[in-house]
Amino acid sequence: WLAMIQHYFFAAWIPPADEISTYSTERLAGSTVWPRNIAREVSPIRQVANGSSAEFTSRLYLGPKLQDELEGIAPGLEYTVNYGIFTVFSKPLFWLLDKIHNVVGTWGWAIVLLTVLIKAAFFKLTEAQYKSMARMRKLQPRIDQLKERYGDDRQRMSQAMMEMYKKEKVNPLGGCLPILVQIPIFIALYWVLLESVELRQAPFILWIDNLSARDPYFILPLLNAAFMFATQRLTPMAGMDPLQRKMMSMMPLVFSVMFAFFPAGLVLYWATNAGLSLAQQYYITRKIAAADS
């Protein structure tokens, strides 16, 4: 089959499955700035006797990328929903999102519950991450003392910090490695929420009447920024110079501006994930602080 794809919709020319057709493409001459191409499907040659007739049939699909229906229309047509290199993760995530939606009946709550399930699946990983961050936070005053002692001597500063980490049995990369494991899943879910036509014009609650459009009052982006600001207060910034700290402090503002133009369903996922992360990090930080007191 041949298809011309848009965001949520596509057009596909589907010849009979038992025919061996020839496909070709050609770029139109003189269309270098905005290249235009012709795609062509040629059916097998037929011999028609004098006085008789032959019929050529094909199907034309014009419509949305409804993932439950595409595979039944033609083999491989489901790949018009392009999740990129994370398809191996995105397809199971959409399947689970669809199953949750069948139970709760609302795509918004399905996104929230799916985010909760993903956070629960990675609970132990994020627990190790936040424990490492909490220990790093406790060492922050001693790191500041080392900075005052060694000034611009970065080599001696690094040596002293590594000795302290070794003595306190703290891995400075312990807060980073669990994040790397989770990144493919979160990016895969990002593409699911961005590509799924099922969210188009789907209402949620109160002011959100379309999960595929931006939040009209920017409440979700602001809520996500608030969670990010609060999380930064719990996150150690050991070893960062003033410029790096300033850049990190600007990240919630940058993300809130960026998310202001994203679909509300996508921002709902980010805000839910940020809120759950904040709650988990706050709990673990308080727990470690209470155990050490």
Protein backbone atom coordinates (compact mmCIF):
# COMPACT_ATOMS: atom_id res chain seq x y z
CA TRP A 1 0.00 0.00 0.00
CA LEU A 2 0.92 3.65 -0.38
CA ALA A 3 0.12 6.24 2.26
CA MET A 4 0.34 9.99 2.73
CA ILE A 5 0.56 10.70 6.45
CA GLN A 6 -0.48 13.68 8.51
CA HIS A 7 -0.47 13.99 12.31
CA TYR A 8 -3.66 12.15 13.23
CA PHE A 9 -4.93 11.21 9.75
CA PHE A 10 -3.68 9.56 6.58
CA ALA A 11 -4.70 8.52 3.09
CA ALA A 12 -3.75 5.05 1.85
CA TRP A 13 -4.11 3.37 -1.54
CA ILE A 14 -4.52 -0.38 -0.92
CA PRO A 15 -4.43 -2.80 -3.90
CA PRO A 16 -5.72 -6.38 -3.58
CA ALA A 17 -3.56 -8.50 -1.28
CA ASP A 18 -3.22 -11.34 -3.84
CA GLU A 19 -1.69 -9.08 -6.50
CA ILE A 20 2.01 -8.39 -7.01
CA SER A 21 2.09 -4.66 -7.67
CA THR A 22 4.98 -2.40 -8.63
CA TYR A 23 5.68 0.71 -6.57
CA SER A 24 7.81 3.67 -7.56
CA THR A 25 8.45 7.28 -6.56
CA GLU A 26 9.65 10.26 -8.53
CA ARG A 27 10.64 13.77 -7.52
CA LEU A 28 9.11 16.48 -9.68
CA ALA A 29 11.58 18.64 -11.54
CA GLY A 30 11.92 22.25 -10.41
CA SER A 31 10.73 21.56 -6.85
CA THR A 32 13.99 21.97 -4.96
CA VAL A 33 12.85 24.44 -2.28
CA TRP A 34 9.73 22.46 -1.37
CA PRO A 35 10.36 19.01 -2.90
CA ARG A 36 7.29 17.33 -4.32
CA ASN A 37 7.11 13.66 -5.13
CA ILE A 38 4.84 11.36 -7.06
CA ALA A 39 4.19 7.88 -5.65
CA ARG A 40 2.79 5.30 -8.03
CA GLU A 41 1.33 1.81 -7.79
CA VAL A 42 1.02 -0.25 -10.98
CA SER A 43 -1.14 -3.37 -11.03
CA PRO A 44 -0.02 -6.55 -12.85
CA ILE A 45 -0.49 -6.65 -16.62
CA ARG A 46 -3.58 -8.46 -17.83
CA GLN A 47 -4.36 -9.85 -21.24
CA VAL A 48 -7.89 -8.97 -22.34
CA ALA A 49 -9.34 -10.90 -25.26
CA ASN A 50 -11.16 -9.10 -28.03
CA GLY A 51 -14.73 -8.42 -27.02
CA SER A 52 -14.20 -9.21 -23.33
CA SER A 53 -13.43 -7.01 -20.31
CA ALA A 54 -11.31 -6.96 -17.16
CA GLU A 55 -11.80 -5.13 -13.87
CA PHE A 56 -9.11 -3.57 -11.67
CA THR A 57 -10.03 -2.93 -8.04
CA SER A 58 -8.25 -1.14 -5.21
CA ARG A 59 -9.31 0.39 -1.92
CA LEU A 60 -8.78 3.95 -0.73
CA TYR A 61 -8.64 4.69 3.01
CA LEU A 62 -9.12 8.25 4.20
CA GLY A 63 -9.39 8.72 7.92
CA PRO A 64 -7.85 8.70 11.39
CA LYS A 65 -5.09 6.42 12.67
CA LEU A 66 -7.35 4.32 14.88
CA GLN A 67 -4.89 1.72 16.08
CA ASP A 68 -7.47 -0.95 16.91
CA GLU A 69 -8.74 -0.95 13.31
CA LEU A 70 -5.69 -0.40 11.08
CA GLU A 71 -4.24 -3.90 11.20
CA GLY A 72 -7.58 -5.37 10.10
CA ILE A 73 -7.71 -3.10 7.04
CA ALA A 74 -4.35 -4.12 5.60
CA PRO A 75 -1.23 -5.86 6.97
CA GLY A 76 1.31 -3.35 8.27
CA LEU A 77 -1.06 -0.39 8.07
CA GLU A 78 -0.70 0.09 11.84
CA TYR A 79 2.84 1.37 11.20
CA THR A 80 1.36 4.60 9.87
CA VAL A 81 1.32 5.45 13.60
CA ASN A 82 4.98 6.35 13.85
CA TYR A 83 6.53 5.93 17.29
CA GLY A 84 10.07 5.99 15.90
CA ILE A 85 12.84 3.97 17.50
CA PHE A 86 10.82 3.52 20.71
CA THR A 87 8.04 1.51 19.03
CA VAL A 88 9.01 -1.60 21.03
CA PHE A 89 8.04 0.28 24.21
CA SER A 90 5.32 2.56 22.80
CA LYS A 91 3.02 -0.14 21.47
CA PRO A 92 2.70 -2.00 24.82
CA LEU A 93 2.21 1.34 26.59
CA PHE A 94 -0.63 2.30 24.22
CA TRP A 95 -2.17 -1.16 24.69
CA LEU A 96 -2.11 -0.68 28.47
CA LEU A 97 -3.43 2.89 28.16
CA ASP A 98 -6.30 1.63 25.99
CA LYS A 99 -7.16 -1.11 28.49
CA ILE A 100 -7.22 1.38 31.37
CA HIS A 101 -9.43 3.69 29.28
CA ASN A 102 -11.89 0.84 28.71
CA VAL A 103 -12.23 0.58 32.51
CA VAL A 104 -12.32 4.24 33.59
CA GLY A 105 -13.93 5.62 30.42
CA THR A 106 -11.85 8.83 30.32
CA TRP A 107 -8.52 9.28 28.55
CA GLY A 108 -7.36 11.86 31.08
CA TRP A 109 -7.74 9.54 34.07
CA ALA A 110 -6.26 6.73 31.97
CA ILE A 111 -3.11 8.86 31.49
CA VAL A 112 -2.94 9.57 35.24
CA LEU A 113 -3.36 5.90 36.19
CA LEU A 114 -0.82 4.74 33.57
CA THR A 115 1.70 7.23 34.97
CA VAL A 116 1.06 5.87 38.47
CA LEU A 117 1.62 2.30 37.25
CA ILE A 118 4.90 3.26 35.57
CA LYS A 119 6.09 5.03 38.72
CA ALA A 120 5.18 1.94 40.75
CA ALA A 121 7.11 -0.30 38.34
CA PHE A 122 10.20 1.87 38.75
CA PHE A 123 9.70 2.47 42.47
CA LYS A 124 12.82 0.61 43.58
CA LEU A 125 14.99 2.32 40.98
CA THR A 126 13.78 5.79 41.91
CA GLU A 127 14.07 4.90 45.59
CA ALA A 128 17.78 4.20 45.09
CA GLN A 129 18.08 7.44 43.12
CA TYR A 130 16.45 9.57 45.83
CA LYS A 131 18.40 7.87 48.62
CA SER A 132 21.60 8.79 46.83
CA MET A 133 20.36 12.37 46.40
CA ALA A 134 19.42 12.59 50.08
CA ARG A 135 22.90 11.48 51.12
CA MET A 136 24.45 13.97 48.72
CA ARG A 137 22.26 16.68 50.21
CA LYS A 138 23.59 15.89 53.69
CA LEU A 139 27.14 16.25 52.41
CA GLN A 140 26.44 19.63 50.81
CA PRO A 141 27.74 21.73 53.79
CA ARG A 142 31.00 19.76 53.85
CA ILE A 143 31.36 20.18 50.07
CA ASP A 144 30.93 23.94 50.48
CA GLN A 145 33.69 23.89 53.12
CA LEU A 146 36.00 22.09 50.69
CA LYS A 147 35.29 24.77 48.08
CA GLU A 148 36.28 27.49 50.54
CA ARG A 149 39.41 25.57 51.54
CA TYR A 150 40.73 24.77 48.07
CA GLY A 151 39.34 27.71 46.12
CA ASP A 152 40.21 27.40 42.42
CA ASP A 153 42.41 24.32 42.83
CA ARG A 154 39.98 21.97 41.07
CA GLN A 155 42.32 18.97 41.15
CA ARG A 156 42.73 19.00 44.95
CA MET A 157 39.04 19.80 45.30
CA SER A 158 38.12 16.73 43.23
CA GLN A 159 40.49 14.51 45.17
CA ALA A 160 39.09 15.68 48.51
CA MET A 161 35.51 15.12 47.31
CA MET A 162 36.26 11.60 46.09
CA GLU A 163 37.90 10.75 49.42
CA MET A 164 34.83 12.03 51.24
CA TYR A 165 32.47 10.04 48.97
CA LYS A 166 34.53 6.91 49.59
CA LYS A 167 34.57 7.42 53.34
CA GLU A 168 30.82 8.09 53.53
CA LYS A 169 30.05 5.28 51.01
CA VAL A 170 28.22 7.62 48.68
CA ASN A 171 28.15 7.12 44.91
CA PRO A 172 27.84 10.54 43.19
CA LEU A 173 26.43 8.79 40.10
CA GLY A 174 23.85 6.89 42.12
CA GLY A 175 21.21 9.51 41.37
CA CYS A 176 21.89 9.48 37.62
CA LEU A 177 22.00 5.81 36.66
CA PRO A 178 18.36 5.00 37.59
CA ILE A 179 17.23 7.96 35.46
CA LEU A 180 19.02 6.56 32.40
CA VAL A 181 17.13 3.27 32.71
CA GLN A 182 13.76 5.04 32.79
CA ILE A 183 14.37 7.52 29.96
CA PRO A 184 13.35 5.14 27.08
CA ILE A 185 10.02 4.39 28.78
CA PHE A 186 9.20 8.04 29.41
CA ILE A 187 10.13 9.05 25.84
CA ALA A 188 8.06 6.14 24.48
CA LEU A 189 5.04 7.33 26.47
CA TYR A 190 5.69 10.87 25.21
CA TRP A 191 5.29 9.60 21.61
CA VAL A 192 2.19 7.60 22.52
CA LEU A 193 0.46 10.69 23.89
CA LEU A 194 1.66 12.85 20.98
CA GLU A 195 0.68 10.46 18.16
CA SER A 196 -2.57 8.87 19.37
CA VAL A 197 -5.62 10.23 17.55
CA GLU A 198 -7.75 8.69 20.31
CA LEU A 199 -6.89 11.74 22.44
CA ARG A 200 -8.09 14.18 19.77
CA GLN A 201 -10.94 16.32 21.13
CA ALA A 202 -11.15 14.04 24.19
CA PRO A 203 -12.36 15.99 27.26
CA PHE A 204 -10.98 15.56 30.76
CA ILE A 205 -12.17 17.66 33.71
CA LEU A 206 -13.23 21.23 34.33
CA TRP A 207 -11.33 23.56 31.98
CA ILE A 208 -9.69 20.84 29.84
CA ASP A 209 -12.10 19.97 27.03
CA ASN A 210 -9.52 18.69 24.52
CA LEU A 211 -6.48 16.64 25.55
CA SER A 212 -4.89 17.09 22.12
CA ALA A 213 -4.91 20.91 22.40
CA ARG A 214 -2.93 23.12 24.78
CA ASP A 215 -4.23 23.93 28.24
CA PRO A 216 -6.28 27.12 27.61
CA TYR A 217 -5.44 28.59 31.05
CA PHE A 218 -1.89 27.16 31.37
CA ILE A 219 -2.76 25.58 34.71
CA LEU A 220 -1.05 22.24 34.00
CA PRO A 221 2.24 23.86 32.82
CA LEU A 222 2.28 26.07 35.94
CA LEU A 223 1.52 23.07 38.16
CA ASN A 224 4.38 21.14 36.56
CA ALA A 225 6.72 24.12 37.10
CA ALA A 226 5.72 24.28 40.78
CA PHE A 227 6.53 20.59 41.22
CA MET A 228 9.88 21.11 39.49
CA PHE A 229 10.77 24.10 41.70
CA ALA A 230 9.91 22.10 44.83
CA THR A 231 11.93 19.12 43.59
CA GLN A 232 14.96 21.35 43.03
CA ARG A 233 14.83 22.38 46.68
CA LEU A 234 15.34 18.72 47.59
CA THR A 235 17.99 18.01 44.93
CA PRO A 236 21.66 18.57 45.83
CA MET A 237 23.76 20.62 43.44
CA ALA A 238 27.14 19.53 44.70
CA GLY A 239 30.05 20.48 42.49
CA MET A 240 28.10 23.01 40.44
CA ASP A 241 29.47 26.48 39.90
CA PRO A 242 27.15 29.53 40.31
CA LEU A 243 26.42 29.69 36.57
CA GLN A 244 25.36 26.04 36.46
CA ARG A 245 23.16 26.49 39.51
CA LYS A 246 21.54 29.51 37.91
CA MET A 247 20.86 27.55 34.73
CA MET A 248 19.36 24.68 36.73
CA SER A 249 17.14 27.07 38.64
CA MET A 250 15.81 28.39 35.32
CA MET A 251 14.80 24.94 34.06
CA PRO A 252 11.28 24.93 35.62
CA LEU A 253 10.56 28.26 33.96
CA VAL A 254 11.90 27.04 30.62
CA PHE A 255 9.84 23.86 30.79
CA SER A 256 6.69 25.75 31.77
CA VAL A 257 7.02 28.02 28.72
CA MET A 258 7.67 25.03 26.47
CA PHE A 259 4.78 23.00 27.91
CA ALA A 260 2.42 25.95 27.47
CA PHE A 261 2.19 25.02 23.78
CA PHE A 262 2.14 21.22 24.21
CA PRO A 263 -1.08 19.13 24.12
CA ALA A 264 -2.81 19.06 27.49
CA GLY A 265 -2.69 15.24 27.62
CA LEU A 266 1.09 15.31 27.33
CA VAL A 267 1.46 17.99 30.01
CA LEU A 268 -0.94 16.05 32.24
CA TYR A 269 1.46 13.12 32.07
CA TRP A 270 4.51 15.29 32.86
CA ALA A 271 2.75 17.07 35.73
CA THR A 272 1.49 13.79 37.24
CA ASN A 273 4.95 12.26 36.97
CA ALA A 274 6.55 15.37 38.51
CA GLY A 275 4.07 15.37 41.40
CA LEU A 276 4.59 11.68 42.15
CA SER A 277 8.38 12.11 41.95
CA LEU A 278 8.24 15.05 44.36
CA ALA A 279 6.14 13.10 46.86
CA GLN A 280 8.43 10.07 46.71
CA GLN A 281 11.60 12.15 47.00
CA TYR A 282 10.18 14.16 49.93
CA TYR A 283 9.19 10.97 51.76
CA ILE A 284 12.59 9.31 51.28
CA THR A 285 14.50 12.47 52.23
CA ARG A 286 12.49 12.86 55.45
CA LYS A 287 12.89 9.14 56.21
CA ILE A 288 16.69 9.27 55.91
CA ALA A 289 16.87 12.49 57.89
CA ALA A 290 14.80 10.94 60.71
CA ALA A 291 16.97 7.79 60.75
CA ASP A 292 20.16 9.84 61.09
CA SER A 293 18.85 12.16 63.81
